[in-house]
Amino acid sequence: MRGLIGELADVAAAVPGVSRLTAVLGSRPVKVERHDHPPGRHIEVQLAVAPGYHPMEVARAVRAAVADAATSDTSGRVTVAVLIAETAAY
């Protein structure tokens, strides 16, 4: 993956507790929708949580990291949704 989507995928994958990115609901694990009115973007990340990590904590960390990375080149609002497609017992 290249460009913004690739960068955001790298950010999400680097969060502790993410075992891998998945594509359960489509062809890409990271989707970016740009909006003009009002300006901003919505990002969806699909992932699997590694054993030993609490899914909600991982989702919150991914959401924060991706939102922070995605605001660097936009003046509008950025929202992030995290879909946990797979978990292991913790």
N, C-alpha and C. Protein backbone atom coordinates (compact mmCIF):
# COMPACT_ATOMS: atom_id res chain seq x y z
N MET A 1 0.84 -1.18 0.00
CA MET A 1 0.00 0.00 0.00
C MET A 1 0.88 1.24 0.00
N ARG A 2 0.41 2.24 -0.70
CA ARG A 2 1.18 3.46 -0.79
C ARG A 2 0.34 4.65 -0.39
N GLY A 3 1.00 5.77 -0.23
CA GLY A 3 0.30 7.01 0.08
C GLY A 3 -0.25 7.02 1.50
N LEU A 4 -1.30 7.81 1.68
CA LEU A 4 -1.89 7.98 3.00
C LEU A 4 -2.39 6.66 3.57
N ILE A 5 -3.05 5.86 2.75
CA ILE A 5 -3.57 4.58 3.24
C ILE A 5 -2.44 3.69 3.73
N GLY A 6 -1.36 3.63 3.01
CA GLY A 6 -0.21 2.84 3.43
C GLY A 6 0.40 3.34 4.72
N GLU A 7 0.50 4.67 4.84
CA GLU A 7 1.05 5.25 6.06
C GLU A 7 0.16 4.93 7.27
N LEU A 8 -1.14 5.05 7.09
CA LEU A 8 -2.06 4.78 8.19
C LEU A 8 -2.07 3.30 8.54
N ALA A 9 -1.93 2.44 7.55
CA ALA A 9 -1.83 1.00 7.81
C ALA A 9 -0.58 0.70 8.63
N ASP A 10 0.52 1.34 8.30
CA ASP A 10 1.76 1.14 9.07
C ASP A 10 1.60 1.62 10.51
N VAL A 11 0.95 2.75 10.69
CA VAL A 11 0.71 3.28 12.04
C VAL A 11 -0.14 2.31 12.84
N ALA A 12 -1.23 1.83 12.24
CA ALA A 12 -2.12 0.91 12.95
C ALA A 12 -1.42 -0.40 13.29
N ALA A 13 -0.66 -0.94 12.35
CA ALA A 13 0.02 -2.22 12.56
C ALA A 13 1.10 -2.13 13.63
N ALA A 14 1.63 -0.94 13.85
CA ALA A 14 2.70 -0.76 14.83
C ALA A 14 2.20 -0.63 16.27
N VAL A 15 0.90 -0.50 16.45
CA VAL A 15 0.35 -0.36 17.81
C VAL A 15 0.49 -1.70 18.54
N PRO A 16 1.02 -1.68 19.76
CA PRO A 16 1.12 -2.92 20.53
C PRO A 16 -0.24 -3.60 20.68
N GLY A 17 -0.27 -4.89 20.42
CA GLY A 17 -1.50 -5.65 20.52
C GLY A 17 -2.16 -5.94 19.20
N VAL A 18 -1.71 -5.28 18.14
CA VAL A 18 -2.25 -5.56 16.81
C VAL A 18 -1.43 -6.71 16.23
N SER A 19 -2.09 -7.84 15.99
CA SER A 19 -1.35 -8.97 15.42
C SER A 19 -1.25 -8.85 13.91
N ARG A 20 -2.30 -8.31 13.29
CA ARG A 20 -2.27 -8.08 11.84
C ARG A 20 -3.48 -7.26 11.45
N LEU A 21 -3.40 -6.65 10.28
CA LEU A 21 -4.55 -5.97 9.72
C LEU A 21 -5.33 -6.99 8.90
N THR A 22 -6.64 -6.85 8.87
CA THR A 22 -7.49 -7.80 8.15
C THR A 22 -8.35 -7.05 7.13
N ALA A 23 -9.02 -7.78 6.29
CA ALA A 23 -9.93 -7.18 5.30
C ALA A 23 -11.23 -7.95 5.28
N VAL A 24 -11.85 -8.08 6.41
CA VAL A 24 -13.08 -8.86 6.53
C VAL A 24 -14.23 -8.21 5.77
N LEU A 25 -14.38 -6.91 5.88
CA LEU A 25 -15.49 -6.21 5.24
C LEU A 25 -15.08 -5.48 3.97
N GLY A 26 -14.32 -6.12 3.14
CA GLY A 26 -13.91 -5.48 1.90
C GLY A 26 -12.52 -5.89 1.50
N SER A 27 -12.00 -5.20 0.54
CA SER A 27 -10.72 -5.59 -0.02
C SER A 27 -9.52 -4.95 0.67
N ARG A 28 -9.74 -3.98 1.52
CA ARG A 28 -8.62 -3.29 2.17
C ARG A 28 -8.83 -3.22 3.68
N PRO A 29 -7.75 -3.37 4.43
CA PRO A 29 -7.88 -3.26 5.88
C PRO A 29 -8.00 -1.82 6.37
N VAL A 30 -7.59 -0.86 5.56
CA VAL A 30 -7.71 0.56 5.92
C VAL A 30 -8.44 1.27 4.79
N LYS A 31 -9.50 1.95 5.15
CA LYS A 31 -10.28 2.71 4.17
C LYS A 31 -10.33 4.16 4.61
N VAL A 32 -10.23 5.06 3.65
CA VAL A 32 -10.28 6.49 3.94
C VAL A 32 -11.36 7.12 3.07
N GLU A 33 -12.29 7.80 3.70
CA GLU A 33 -13.32 8.56 2.99
C GLU A 33 -13.06 10.04 3.24
N ARG A 34 -12.98 10.79 2.17
CA ARG A 34 -12.79 12.23 2.30
C ARG A 34 -14.13 12.93 2.13
N HIS A 35 -14.36 13.95 2.94
CA HIS A 35 -15.60 14.71 2.89
C HIS A 35 -15.29 16.18 2.63
N ASP A 36 -16.12 16.80 1.79
CA ASP A 36 -15.92 18.21 1.47
C ASP A 36 -16.77 19.14 2.32
N HIS A 37 -17.96 18.71 2.70
CA HIS A 37 -18.90 19.57 3.42
C HIS A 37 -19.46 18.86 4.62
N PRO A 38 -19.01 19.06 5.80
CA PRO A 38 -17.85 19.86 6.16
C PRO A 38 -16.57 19.11 5.83
N PRO A 39 -15.47 19.83 5.70
CA PRO A 39 -14.22 19.16 5.34
C PRO A 39 -13.74 18.20 6.42
N GLY A 40 -13.17 17.13 6.00
CA GLY A 40 -12.64 16.15 6.94
C GLY A 40 -12.51 14.80 6.29
N ARG A 41 -12.25 13.80 7.11
CA ARG A 41 -12.13 12.43 6.59
C ARG A 41 -12.53 11.44 7.67
N HIS A 42 -13.00 10.29 7.20
CA HIS A 42 -13.35 9.18 8.08
C HIS A 42 -12.48 8.00 7.69
N ILE A 43 -11.89 7.36 8.69
CA ILE A 43 -11.00 6.23 8.46
C ILE A 43 -11.54 5.01 9.16
N GLU A 44 -11.49 3.89 8.48
CA GLU A 44 -11.90 2.62 9.07
C GLU A 44 -10.70 1.68 9.03
N VAL A 45 -10.42 1.04 10.16
CA VAL A 45 -9.31 0.10 10.27
C VAL A 45 -9.86 -1.23 10.75
N GLN A 46 -9.51 -2.30 10.04
CA GLN A 46 -9.91 -3.65 10.43
C GLN A 46 -8.66 -4.39 10.89
N LEU A 47 -8.76 -5.06 12.05
CA LEU A 47 -7.56 -5.69 12.59
C LEU A 47 -7.87 -6.91 13.43
N ALA A 48 -6.82 -7.65 13.73
CA ALA A 48 -6.86 -8.78 14.66
C ALA A 48 -6.01 -8.42 15.87
N VAL A 49 -6.51 -8.79 17.04
CA VAL A 49 -5.81 -8.49 18.29
C VAL A 49 -4.96 -9.69 18.71
N ALA A 50 -3.73 -9.41 19.10
CA ALA A 50 -2.79 -10.46 19.51
C ALA A 50 -3.17 -11.04 20.87
N PRO A 51 -2.77 -12.27 21.12
CA PRO A 51 -3.02 -12.88 22.43
C PRO A 51 -2.37 -12.05 23.54
N GLY A 52 -3.05 -11.97 24.67
CA GLY A 52 -2.50 -11.26 25.82
C GLY A 52 -2.86 -9.79 25.87
N TYR A 53 -3.62 -9.30 24.90
CA TYR A 53 -4.00 -7.88 24.86
C TYR A 53 -5.51 -7.76 24.98
N HIS A 54 -5.96 -6.73 25.65
CA HIS A 54 -7.37 -6.46 25.80
C HIS A 54 -7.86 -5.75 24.53
N PRO A 55 -8.84 -6.31 23.84
CA PRO A 55 -9.30 -5.74 22.57
C PRO A 55 -9.70 -4.26 22.64
N MET A 56 -10.41 -3.87 23.68
CA MET A 56 -10.86 -2.48 23.76
C MET A 56 -9.67 -1.53 23.90
N GLU A 57 -8.68 -1.92 24.68
CA GLU A 57 -7.50 -1.07 24.84
C GLU A 57 -6.73 -0.94 23.52
N VAL A 58 -6.63 -2.04 22.80
CA VAL A 58 -5.95 -2.01 21.49
C VAL A 58 -6.73 -1.11 20.53
N ALA A 59 -8.05 -1.26 20.49
CA ALA A 59 -8.87 -0.45 19.59
C ALA A 59 -8.71 1.04 19.90
N ARG A 60 -8.72 1.38 21.18
CA ARG A 60 -8.56 2.80 21.57
C ARG A 60 -7.19 3.33 21.16
N ALA A 61 -6.15 2.52 21.35
CA ALA A 61 -4.80 2.94 20.99
C ALA A 61 -4.66 3.11 19.48
N VAL A 62 -5.25 2.20 18.72
CA VAL A 62 -5.20 2.30 17.26
C VAL A 62 -5.96 3.55 16.81
N ARG A 63 -7.13 3.76 17.37
CA ARG A 63 -7.93 4.93 17.00
C ARG A 63 -7.15 6.23 17.26
N ALA A 64 -6.52 6.32 18.40
CA ALA A 64 -5.76 7.53 18.73
C ALA A 64 -4.55 7.71 17.81
N ALA A 65 -3.82 6.63 17.58
CA ALA A 65 -2.62 6.72 16.74
C ALA A 65 -2.96 7.08 15.30
N VAL A 66 -4.00 6.45 14.76
CA VAL A 66 -4.39 6.71 13.38
C VAL A 66 -4.96 8.12 13.25
N ALA A 67 -5.78 8.54 14.18
CA ALA A 67 -6.34 9.90 14.13
C ALA A 67 -5.23 10.94 14.18
N ASP A 68 -4.25 10.72 15.04
CA ASP A 68 -3.12 11.66 15.14
C ASP A 68 -2.35 11.72 13.82
N ALA A 69 -2.09 10.57 13.23
CA ALA A 69 -1.35 10.53 11.96
C ALA A 69 -2.16 11.13 10.81
N ALA A 70 -3.46 11.00 10.85
CA ALA A 70 -4.30 11.45 9.75
C ALA A 70 -4.60 12.94 9.77
N THR A 71 -4.34 13.60 10.88
CA THR A 71 -4.64 15.03 10.97
C THR A 71 -3.49 15.90 10.46
N SER A 72 -2.39 15.30 10.11
CA SER A 72 -1.22 16.09 9.72
C SER A 72 -1.42 16.86 8.43
N ASP A 73 -2.30 16.39 7.53
CA ASP A 73 -2.44 17.07 6.24
C ASP A 73 -3.88 17.49 5.94
N THR A 74 -4.69 17.66 6.95
CA THR A 74 -6.06 18.12 6.74
C THR A 74 -6.45 19.11 7.82
N SER A 75 -7.28 20.05 7.44
CA SER A 75 -7.74 21.02 8.43
C SER A 75 -9.09 20.63 9.00
N GLY A 76 -9.73 19.66 8.39
CA GLY A 76 -11.05 19.24 8.84
C GLY A 76 -10.99 18.20 9.94
N ARG A 77 -12.16 17.80 10.35
CA ARG A 77 -12.31 16.80 11.41
C ARG A 77 -11.95 15.41 10.89
N VAL A 78 -11.29 14.64 11.73
CA VAL A 78 -10.93 13.26 11.40
C VAL A 78 -11.61 12.33 12.39
N THR A 79 -12.33 11.34 11.87
CA THR A 79 -12.93 10.32 12.71
C THR A 79 -12.34 8.97 12.32
N VAL A 80 -12.23 8.08 13.31
CA VAL A 80 -11.64 6.76 13.08
C VAL A 80 -12.53 5.71 13.72
N ALA A 81 -12.83 4.67 12.94
CA ALA A 81 -13.56 3.53 13.45
C ALA A 81 -12.63 2.32 13.38
N VAL A 82 -12.62 1.51 14.42
CA VAL A 82 -11.78 0.32 14.46
C VAL A 82 -12.69 -0.90 14.55
N LEU A 83 -12.54 -1.80 13.61
CA LEU A 83 -13.28 -3.05 13.62
C LEU A 83 -12.34 -4.16 14.03
N ILE A 84 -12.64 -4.80 15.15
CA ILE A 84 -11.83 -5.93 15.60
C ILE A 84 -12.45 -7.18 14.99
N ALA A 85 -11.75 -7.75 14.03
CA ALA A 85 -12.27 -8.91 13.30
C ALA A 85 -11.89 -10.23 13.93
N GLU A 86 -10.88 -10.20 14.78
CA GLU A 86 -10.41 -11.45 15.38
C GLU A 86 -9.71 -11.13 16.70
N THR A 87 -9.97 -11.95 17.71
CA THR A 87 -9.29 -11.81 18.99
C THR A 87 -8.84 -13.16 19.49
N ALA A 88 -7.89 -13.13 20.38
CA ALA A 88 -7.44 -14.34 21.06
C ALA A 88 -7.80 -14.16 22.53
N ALA A 89 -7.94 -15.24 23.24
CA ALA A 89 -8.22 -15.14 24.67
C ALA A 89 -7.09 -14.39 25.36
N TYR A 90 -7.44 -13.54 26.29
CA TYR A 90 -6.41 -12.76 27.00
C TYR A 90 -6.39 -13.08 28.45
